Amino acid sequence: MILQRRYCNHRPDIAPLRHACTEIGASRDTLRRGTGSRPTRANRLALLVTDAGSITDGMHDGKVMHNRTSLTVLPPGAWFEEIVGEKEDWIVQYLTLEGDWAKAFCRDWPPARGGMFIRYDPAPRVWRDDLRACVQLGLDQPRNWTWSFARHLSALLHGILAAPLPVDRSANLIERMTRVVESDPFRAWSVPQLAEALDMPTSTLAHQFRAIAGQPPAQWVCRHRIDRARQLLSQGLGVAEVADRLGFANPYHFSRVFKAVSGRTPSSLIPGPDDVNPRGQPSR
């Protein structure tokens, strides 16, 4: 239950954020102790930092905690379930982003490709200060705030990209899974094949991955294949060709899976005649 909330959603159309951040959400919330949220899937890049209290994450066997020293990054597609501790209310600041910077960050940050969130704990003090500065600027929007916002945000994102992933089993497994799947992106990876490539028992992979990601590895691989399908469709390839390249049984099966995962039909992503330039390549 949210006791207090200060929130602002902004679509800056001025330099230097016109294309870098097409939509910014800044919030400072206080959640009542002992309460929780339903399982939720992030629909945009989100970064959060705790000011007081702590939470566990119900989708990760209650083992992932967010506290005053941590900073958490949730890419689009990441599942989470917040359960506030019993001792005190949870005060959190978070930032959500859409635009070129968010897309570039998710492209270059390995866990984003698998829809996994990562908690840095302890996170460098400068990261937490930069995130709090971004939230404050997004809420108050003082004169020429976009320039300061861009400075703090670029420093934060660069710091996260330059730092190694946290050394724990979740980060290691996420990174290894991503590396294996991307070594042969058009292969329809089965769980036994993944386990063999990772040199671990199939049952261990299934158990550990579900505990970390809140979803079975086969579902994660399916999402990865659909992300690859989006790229091919946006390049102008037909539904049947994409289905064949990605190893689906037939175009009908591919279309059904694609819609179940993305909520859209694959044909809706294929550029029309007006979207193709004279060289035959999609214009966007």
Protein backbone atom coordinates (compact mmCIF):
# COMPACT_ATOMS: atom_id res chain seq x y z
CA MET A 1 0.00 0.00 0.00
CA ILE A 2 1.35 3.41 -1.01
CA LEU A 3 1.16 5.90 1.89
CA GLN A 4 2.68 8.85 0.04
CA ARG A 5 3.59 9.46 -3.57
CA ARG A 6 5.15 12.29 -5.49
CA TYR A 7 5.24 11.52 -9.18
CA CYS A 8 5.84 13.35 -12.44
CA ASN A 9 5.80 12.02 -16.00
CA HIS A 10 7.45 14.28 -18.54
CA ARG A 11 8.07 14.24 -22.29
CA PRO A 12 10.91 16.71 -22.81
CA ASP A 13 10.97 18.22 -26.28
CA ILE A 14 13.97 20.48 -25.72
CA ALA A 15 17.74 20.02 -25.90
CA PRO A 16 19.54 17.94 -24.83
CA LEU A 17 16.80 15.37 -24.11
CA ARG A 18 14.60 15.65 -27.20
CA HIS A 19 15.59 12.22 -28.56
CA ALA A 20 17.79 10.91 -25.74
CA CYS A 21 14.85 10.63 -23.31
CA THR A 22 11.47 10.88 -25.01
CA GLU A 23 9.64 10.08 -21.75
CA ILE A 24 10.79 10.39 -18.14
CA GLY A 25 8.98 9.20 -15.04
CA ALA A 26 10.29 10.39 -11.64
CA SER A 27 8.79 9.25 -8.35
CA ARG A 28 9.35 9.23 -4.61
CA ASP A 29 7.07 6.73 -2.84
CA THR A 30 6.48 5.56 0.72
CA LEU A 31 5.03 2.04 1.00
CA ARG A 32 3.50 0.71 4.21
CA ARG A 33 5.51 -1.91 6.08
CA GLY A 34 4.32 -5.50 5.73
CA THR A 35 2.50 -4.85 2.44
CA GLY A 36 3.37 -5.96 -1.07
CA SER A 37 2.60 -5.71 -4.75
CA ARG A 38 1.37 -8.21 -7.29
CA PRO A 39 3.87 -9.69 -9.77
CA THR A 40 4.54 -6.92 -12.27
CA ARG A 41 6.44 -6.76 -15.55
CA ALA A 42 8.45 -3.62 -16.29
CA ASN A 43 7.45 -1.97 -19.56
CA ARG A 44 10.39 0.45 -19.71
CA LEU A 45 13.85 0.88 -18.24
CA ALA A 46 13.65 1.63 -14.52
CA LEU A 47 16.26 2.42 -11.87
CA LEU A 48 15.48 2.59 -8.17
CA VAL A 49 17.25 3.48 -4.94
CA THR A 50 16.05 3.03 -1.34
CA ASP A 51 16.01 5.90 1.18
CA ALA A 52 14.63 3.94 4.14
CA GLY A 53 13.45 0.44 4.97
CA SER A 54 13.94 -2.62 2.81
CA ILE A 55 12.04 -5.11 0.66
CA THR A 56 12.38 -8.65 -0.55
CA ASP A 57 11.36 -9.80 -4.00
CA GLY A 58 8.61 -12.42 -3.97
CA MET A 59 9.53 -13.79 -7.39
CA HIS A 60 13.05 -14.70 -6.28
CA ASP A 61 12.26 -16.84 -3.23
CA GLY A 62 12.47 -13.74 -1.03
CA LYS A 63 16.26 -13.69 -1.35
CA VAL A 64 16.75 -10.42 -3.22
CA MET A 65 16.67 -7.40 -0.92
CA HIS A 66 16.61 -3.73 -1.80
CA ASN A 67 18.05 -1.56 0.96
CA ARG A 68 19.79 1.76 1.58
CA THR A 69 23.07 0.71 0.00
CA SER A 70 21.65 -0.87 -3.14
CA LEU A 71 20.68 0.34 -6.59
CA THR A 72 18.50 -1.80 -8.82
CA VAL A 73 18.19 -1.75 -12.61
CA LEU A 74 15.06 -3.21 -14.22
CA PRO A 75 15.07 -3.48 -18.02
CA PRO A 76 11.85 -3.77 -20.03
CA GLY A 77 10.36 -7.23 -19.61
CA ALA A 78 11.78 -7.88 -16.10
CA TRP A 79 9.34 -9.37 -13.58
CA PHE A 80 9.32 -8.28 -9.96
CA GLU A 81 7.14 -8.52 -6.84
CA GLU A 82 7.85 -6.15 -3.95
CA ILE A 83 7.27 -7.26 -0.35
CA VAL A 84 8.00 -4.55 2.21
CA GLY A 85 9.74 -5.54 5.44
CA GLU A 86 7.78 -5.70 8.70
CA LYS A 87 9.94 -3.27 10.71
CA GLU A 88 9.55 0.01 8.83
CA ASP A 89 7.96 1.64 5.81
CA TRP A 90 9.88 1.51 2.55
CA ILE A 91 10.83 4.88 1.01
CA VAL A 92 12.03 4.54 -2.56
CA GLN A 93 12.99 6.85 -5.40
CA TYR A 94 12.81 5.60 -8.94
CA LEU A 95 13.27 6.77 -12.48
CA THR A 96 11.72 5.31 -15.65
CA LEU A 97 13.04 6.09 -19.11
CA GLU A 98 12.16 5.75 -22.76
CA GLY A 99 14.15 7.02 -25.73
CA ASP A 100 17.49 6.54 -27.48
CA TRP A 101 19.55 6.42 -24.29
CA ALA A 102 17.35 3.72 -22.73
CA LYS A 103 17.45 1.66 -25.94
CA ALA A 104 21.23 1.97 -26.23
CA PHE A 105 21.72 1.04 -22.56
CA CYS A 106 19.51 -2.05 -22.84
CA ARG A 107 21.33 -3.06 -26.01
CA ASP A 108 24.74 -2.90 -24.32
CA TRP A 109 23.87 -4.17 -20.81
CA PRO A 110 23.82 -8.02 -20.94
CA PRO A 111 21.04 -8.73 -18.39
CA ALA A 112 18.58 -6.57 -20.38
CA ARG A 113 18.68 -9.02 -23.29
CA GLY A 114 17.17 -11.65 -21.05
CA GLY A 115 14.73 -9.37 -19.25
CA MET A 116 16.55 -9.77 -15.92
CA PHE A 117 16.87 -7.16 -13.21
CA ILE A 118 20.12 -6.75 -11.30
CA ARG A 119 20.73 -5.34 -7.81
CA TYR A 120 24.06 -3.69 -7.13
CA ASP A 121 24.82 -3.86 -3.41
CA PRO A 122 26.68 -1.98 -2.27
CA ALA A 123 26.23 0.37 -5.20
CA PRO A 124 28.81 3.16 -5.50
CA ARG A 125 27.70 6.26 -3.60
CA VAL A 126 28.08 8.37 -6.74
CA TRP A 127 25.55 6.17 -8.59
CA ARG A 128 22.97 6.58 -5.85
CA ASP A 129 23.61 10.33 -5.70
CA ASP A 130 23.25 10.66 -9.48
CA LEU A 131 19.98 8.72 -9.46
CA ARG A 132 18.56 10.82 -6.61
CA ALA A 133 19.62 13.98 -8.47
CA CYS A 134 17.80 12.78 -11.60
CA VAL A 135 14.62 12.07 -9.63
CA GLN A 136 14.74 15.44 -7.89
CA LEU A 137 15.27 17.28 -11.19
CA GLY A 138 12.47 15.32 -12.83
CA LEU A 139 10.08 16.19 -10.00
CA ASP A 140 11.00 19.88 -9.62
CA GLN A 141 12.03 20.76 -13.19
CA PRO A 142 13.84 24.01 -12.34
CA ARG A 143 15.11 26.36 -15.02
CA ASN A 144 17.39 24.58 -17.53
CA TRP A 145 16.95 21.34 -15.60
CA THR A 146 17.39 19.12 -18.65
CA TRP A 147 21.12 19.90 -18.90
CA SER A 148 21.81 18.86 -15.31
CA PHE A 149 19.56 15.84 -15.74
CA ALA A 150 21.50 14.73 -18.83
CA ARG A 151 24.81 15.12 -16.97
CA HIS A 152 23.74 13.01 -13.99
CA LEU A 153 21.95 10.38 -16.10
CA SER A 154 24.78 9.92 -18.59
CA ALA A 155 27.27 9.51 -15.72
CA LEU A 156 25.03 6.93 -14.03
CA LEU A 157 24.39 4.84 -17.14
CA HIS A 158 28.04 4.98 -18.15
CA GLY A 159 29.09 3.90 -14.67
CA ILE A 160 26.77 0.88 -14.72
CA LEU A 161 27.90 -0.18 -18.21
CA ALA A 162 31.57 0.16 -17.29
CA ALA A 163 31.26 -1.82 -14.05
CA PRO A 164 31.34 -5.62 -13.89
CA LEU A 165 28.09 -7.36 -13.06
CA PRO A 166 27.69 -8.21 -9.38
CA VAL A 167 29.56 -11.37 -8.49
CA ASP A 168 26.76 -13.66 -7.45
CA ARG A 169 25.12 -16.71 -8.91
CA SER A 170 22.24 -14.76 -10.46
CA ALA A 171 24.45 -12.37 -12.41
CA ASN A 172 26.79 -15.17 -13.46
CA LEU A 173 23.96 -17.41 -14.66
CA ILE A 174 22.23 -14.58 -16.53
CA GLU A 175 25.44 -13.58 -18.26
CA ARG A 176 26.33 -17.16 -19.16
CA MET A 177 22.83 -17.92 -20.48
CA THR A 178 22.86 -14.80 -22.62
CA ARG A 179 26.29 -15.66 -24.01
CA VAL A 180 25.23 -19.22 -24.92
CA VAL A 181 22.00 -18.22 -26.65
CA GLU A 182 23.65 -15.39 -28.57
CA SER A 183 26.40 -17.72 -29.77
CA ASP A 184 23.74 -19.30 -32.03
CA PRO A 185 20.78 -16.87 -32.02
CA PHE A 186 18.73 -18.75 -34.63
CA ARG A 187 18.81 -22.06 -32.78
CA ALA A 188 15.72 -23.29 -30.95
CA TRP A 189 17.56 -24.00 -27.70
CA SER A 190 16.08 -26.68 -25.46
CA VAL A 191 16.71 -26.75 -21.72
CA PRO A 192 18.87 -29.92 -21.93
CA GLN A 193 20.95 -28.28 -24.68
CA LEU A 194 21.41 -25.17 -22.55
CA ALA A 195 22.35 -27.26 -19.53
CA GLU A 196 24.94 -29.13 -21.60
CA ALA A 197 26.41 -25.87 -22.90
CA LEU A 198 26.56 -24.50 -19.33
CA ASP A 199 28.02 -27.77 -18.00
CA MET A 200 25.37 -28.26 -15.34
CA PRO A 201 22.54 -30.76 -14.74
CA THR A 202 19.25 -29.94 -16.44
CA SER A 203 17.34 -30.05 -13.15
CA THR A 204 19.83 -27.68 -11.50
CA LEU A 205 19.57 -25.18 -14.34
CA ALA A 206 15.76 -25.29 -14.25
CA HIS A 207 15.62 -24.84 -10.47
CA GLN A 208 18.26 -22.10 -10.18
CA PHE A 209 17.00 -20.14 -13.18
CA ARG A 210 13.40 -20.14 -11.99
CA ALA A 211 14.50 -19.02 -8.52
CA ILE A 212 16.50 -16.16 -10.02
CA ALA A 213 14.28 -15.06 -12.92
CA GLY A 214 10.79 -16.01 -11.75
CA GLN A 215 10.28 -17.92 -15.00
CA PRO A 216 11.48 -21.23 -16.46
CA PRO A 217 14.49 -21.12 -18.81
CA ALA A 218 12.36 -22.26 -21.77
CA GLN A 219 10.16 -19.19 -21.37
CA TRP A 220 13.21 -16.93 -21.24
CA VAL A 221 14.58 -18.51 -24.44
CA CYS A 222 11.20 -18.03 -26.12
CA ARG A 223 11.24 -14.32 -25.28
CA HIS A 224 14.78 -14.08 -26.65
CA ARG A 225 13.66 -15.70 -29.94
CA ILE A 226 10.71 -13.32 -30.22
CA ASP A 227 13.04 -10.35 -29.69
CA ARG A 228 15.16 -11.67 -32.56
CA ALA A 229 12.00 -12.12 -34.64
CA ARG A 230 11.08 -8.46 -34.06
CA GLN A 231 14.43 -7.40 -35.49
CA LEU A 232 14.02 -9.56 -38.61
CA LEU A 233 10.42 -8.48 -39.21
CA SER A 234 11.34 -4.80 -38.89
CA GLN A 235 13.97 -5.40 -41.60
CA GLY A 236 11.21 -6.47 -44.00
CA LEU A 237 11.45 -10.27 -43.84
CA GLY A 238 8.17 -12.15 -44.23
CA VAL A 239 6.45 -14.15 -41.50
CA ALA A 240 7.16 -17.52 -43.14
CA GLU A 241 10.86 -16.73 -43.62
CA VAL A 242 11.31 -15.54 -40.03
CA ALA A 243 9.50 -18.63 -38.72
CA ASP A 244 11.81 -20.85 -40.75
CA ARG A 245 14.99 -19.03 -39.69
CA LEU A 246 14.13 -19.26 -36.01
CA GLY A 247 13.22 -22.94 -36.14
CA PHE A 248 9.45 -22.77 -35.56
CA ALA A 249 7.40 -25.70 -36.85
CA ASN A 250 5.36 -23.53 -39.22
CA PRO A 251 4.26 -19.88 -39.68
CA TYR A 252 1.01 -20.50 -37.81
CA HIS A 253 2.84 -21.74 -34.71
CA PHE A 254 5.26 -18.83 -34.92
CA SER A 255 2.42 -16.29 -35.21
CA ARG A 256 0.62 -17.78 -32.23
CA VAL A 257 3.72 -17.70 -30.02
CA PHE A 258 4.67 -14.21 -31.20
CA LYS A 259 1.26 -12.79 -30.31
CA ALA A 260 1.20 -14.55 -26.94
CA VAL A 261 4.54 -13.00 -25.99
CA SER A 262 4.29 -9.54 -27.56
CA GLY A 263 0.54 -8.94 -27.79
CA ARG A 264 0.86 -8.17 -31.52
CA THR A 265 0.75 -10.17 -34.72
CA PRO A 266 4.11 -10.55 -36.49
CA SER A 267 2.72 -9.10 -39.70
CA SER A 268 2.01 -5.81 -37.90
CA LEU A 269 5.76 -5.23 -37.59
CA ILE A 270 6.59 -5.70 -41.26
CA PRO A 271 7.23 -2.27 -42.87
CA GLY A 272 4.73 -1.25 -45.52
CA PRO A 273 5.60 0.21 -48.95
CA ASP A 274 5.73 3.72 -47.53
CA ASP A 275 8.34 2.65 -44.98
CA VAL A 276 10.87 1.34 -47.52
CA ASN A 277 13.49 3.57 -49.12
CA PRO A 278 14.66 3.26 -52.76
CA ARG A 279 17.38 0.78 -51.77
CA GLY A 280 14.77 -1.61 -50.46
CA GLN A 281 15.68 -1.26 -46.77
CA PRO A 282 13.20 -0.20 -44.05
CA SER A 283 13.48 3.52 -43.44
CA ARG A 284 13.11 3.18 -39.68
